[in-house]
Amino acid sequence: MLVFQVAKYEVLMKENDAKKMTEERSLLLFQVLDNLLPHLGVFKPILSRIREELYGELYLCMAMYAP
């Protein structure tokens, strides 16, 4: 099941590939990470923390540069 999910997300990420990071692409990447986190075993806690920090910084930056 996990292999199928990974393949599905690889396709989604390629379909939404862009030279520039957009809010839509950011949300897709966080969705992929959120769905993979439960399967990462001993790495889940540290990757969850990294995810939270990235999410917070990304949206702080987006809010600062929003028109």
C-alpha atoms as a PDB file:
ATOM      1  CA  MET A   1       0.000   0.000   0.000  1.00  0.00           C
ATOM      2  CA  LEU A   2       2.780   2.447   0.893  1.00  0.00           C
ATOM      3  CA  VAL A   3       4.519   1.808  -2.448  1.00  0.00           C
ATOM      4  CA  PHE A   4       1.293   2.686  -4.256  1.00  0.00           C
ATOM      5  CA  GLN A   5       0.965   5.915  -2.250  1.00  0.00           C
ATOM      6  CA  VAL A   6       4.550   6.905  -3.003  1.00  0.00           C
ATOM      7  CA  ALA A   7       4.050   6.278  -6.731  1.00  0.00           C
ATOM      8  CA  LYS A   8       0.803   8.264  -6.677  1.00  0.00           C
ATOM      9  CA  TYR A   9       2.489  11.225  -5.015  1.00  0.00           C
ATOM     10  CA  GLU A  10       5.442  11.090  -7.379  1.00  0.00           C
ATOM     11  CA  VAL A  11       3.006  11.451 -10.283  1.00  0.00           C
ATOM     12  CA  LEU A  12       1.165  14.313  -8.570  1.00  0.00           C
ATOM     13  CA  MET A  13       4.418  16.125  -7.867  1.00  0.00           C
ATOM     14  CA  LYS A  14       5.602  15.728 -11.476  1.00  0.00           C
ATOM     15  CA  GLU A  15       2.252  16.947 -12.791  1.00  0.00           C
ATOM     16  CA  ASN A  16       2.527  20.016 -10.571  1.00  0.00           C
ATOM     17  CA  ASP A  17       6.215  20.562 -11.206  1.00  0.00           C
ATOM     18  CA  ALA A  18       7.143  24.203 -11.447  1.00  0.00           C
ATOM     19  CA  LYS A  19      10.285  26.257 -11.537  1.00  0.00           C
ATOM     20  CA  LYS A  20       8.787  28.520  -8.887  1.00  0.00           C
ATOM     21  CA  MET A  21       7.232  27.371  -5.624  1.00  0.00           C
ATOM     22  CA  THR A  22       3.544  28.241  -5.488  1.00  0.00           C
ATOM     23  CA  GLU A  23       1.090  27.989  -2.633  1.00  0.00           C
ATOM     24  CA  GLU A  24      -0.640  25.094  -4.425  1.00  0.00           C
ATOM     25  CA  ARG A  25       2.626  23.185  -4.825  1.00  0.00           C
ATOM     26  CA  SER A  26       3.567  23.868  -1.198  1.00  0.00           C
ATOM     27  CA  LEU A  27       0.241  22.469  -0.017  1.00  0.00           C
ATOM     28  CA  LEU A  28       0.714  19.392  -2.196  1.00  0.00           C
ATOM     29  CA  LEU A  29       4.182  18.771  -0.767  1.00  0.00           C
ATOM     30  CA  PHE A  30       2.904  19.103   2.805  1.00  0.00           C
ATOM     31  CA  GLN A  31       0.029  16.730   1.974  1.00  0.00           C
ATOM     32  CA  VAL A  32       2.496  14.155   0.684  1.00  0.00           C
ATOM     33  CA  LEU A  33       4.658  14.521   3.783  1.00  0.00           C
ATOM     34  CA  ASP A  34       1.644  14.292   6.092  1.00  0.00           C
ATOM     35  CA  ASN A  35       0.535  11.064   4.436  1.00  0.00           C
ATOM     36  CA  LEU A  36       4.003   9.533   4.573  1.00  0.00           C
ATOM     37  CA  LEU A  37       4.831  10.481   8.173  1.00  0.00           C
ATOM     38  CA  PRO A  38       2.856   7.646   9.823  1.00  0.00           C
ATOM     39  CA  HIS A  39       4.962   5.125   7.873  1.00  0.00           C
ATOM     40  CA  LEU A  40       8.392   6.487   8.787  1.00  0.00           C
ATOM     41  CA  GLY A  41       8.878   4.567  12.023  1.00  0.00           C
ATOM     42  CA  VAL A  42      11.695   5.878  14.218  1.00  0.00           C
ATOM     43  CA  PHE A  43      12.166   8.869  11.912  1.00  0.00           C
ATOM     44  CA  LYS A  44       8.611  10.127  12.401  1.00  0.00           C
ATOM     45  CA  PRO A  45       9.271  12.370  15.440  1.00  0.00           C
ATOM     46  CA  ILE A  46      12.170  14.291  13.918  1.00  0.00           C
ATOM     47  CA  LEU A  47      10.564  14.582  10.494  1.00  0.00           C
ATOM     48  CA  SER A  48       7.323  15.772  12.127  1.00  0.00           C
ATOM     49  CA  ARG A  49       9.268  18.491  13.894  1.00  0.00           C
ATOM     50  CA  ILE A  50      11.047  19.492  10.679  1.00  0.00           C
ATOM     51  CA  ARG A  51       7.680  19.585   8.901  1.00  0.00           C
ATOM     52  CA  GLU A  52       6.194  21.879  11.538  1.00  0.00           C
ATOM     53  CA  GLU A  53       9.142  24.275  11.385  1.00  0.00           C
ATOM     54  CA  LEU A  54       9.081  24.406   7.587  1.00  0.00           C
ATOM     55  CA  TYR A  55       5.320  24.934   7.564  1.00  0.00           C
ATOM     56  CA  GLY A  56       5.558  27.776  10.065  1.00  0.00           C
ATOM     57  CA  GLU A  57       8.397  29.519   8.230  1.00  0.00           C
ATOM     58  CA  LEU A  58       6.858  29.097   4.794  1.00  0.00           C
ATOM     59  CA  TYR A  59       3.562  30.632   5.804  1.00  0.00           C
ATOM     60  CA  LEU A  60       5.227  33.380   7.797  1.00  0.00           C
ATOM     61  CA  CYS A  61       7.192  34.337   4.670  1.00  0.00           C
ATOM     62  CA  MET A  62       4.115  34.107   2.483  1.00  0.00           C
ATOM     63  CA  ALA A  63       2.200  36.387   4.842  1.00  0.00           C
ATOM     64  CA  MET A  64       5.022  38.931   4.853  1.00  0.00           C
ATOM     65  CA  TYR A  65       5.175  39.112   1.048  1.00  0.00           C
ATOM     66  CA  ALA A  66       1.453  38.912   0.327  1.00  0.00           C
ATOM     67  CA  PRO A  67       0.026  41.995  -1.369  1.00  0.00           C
END
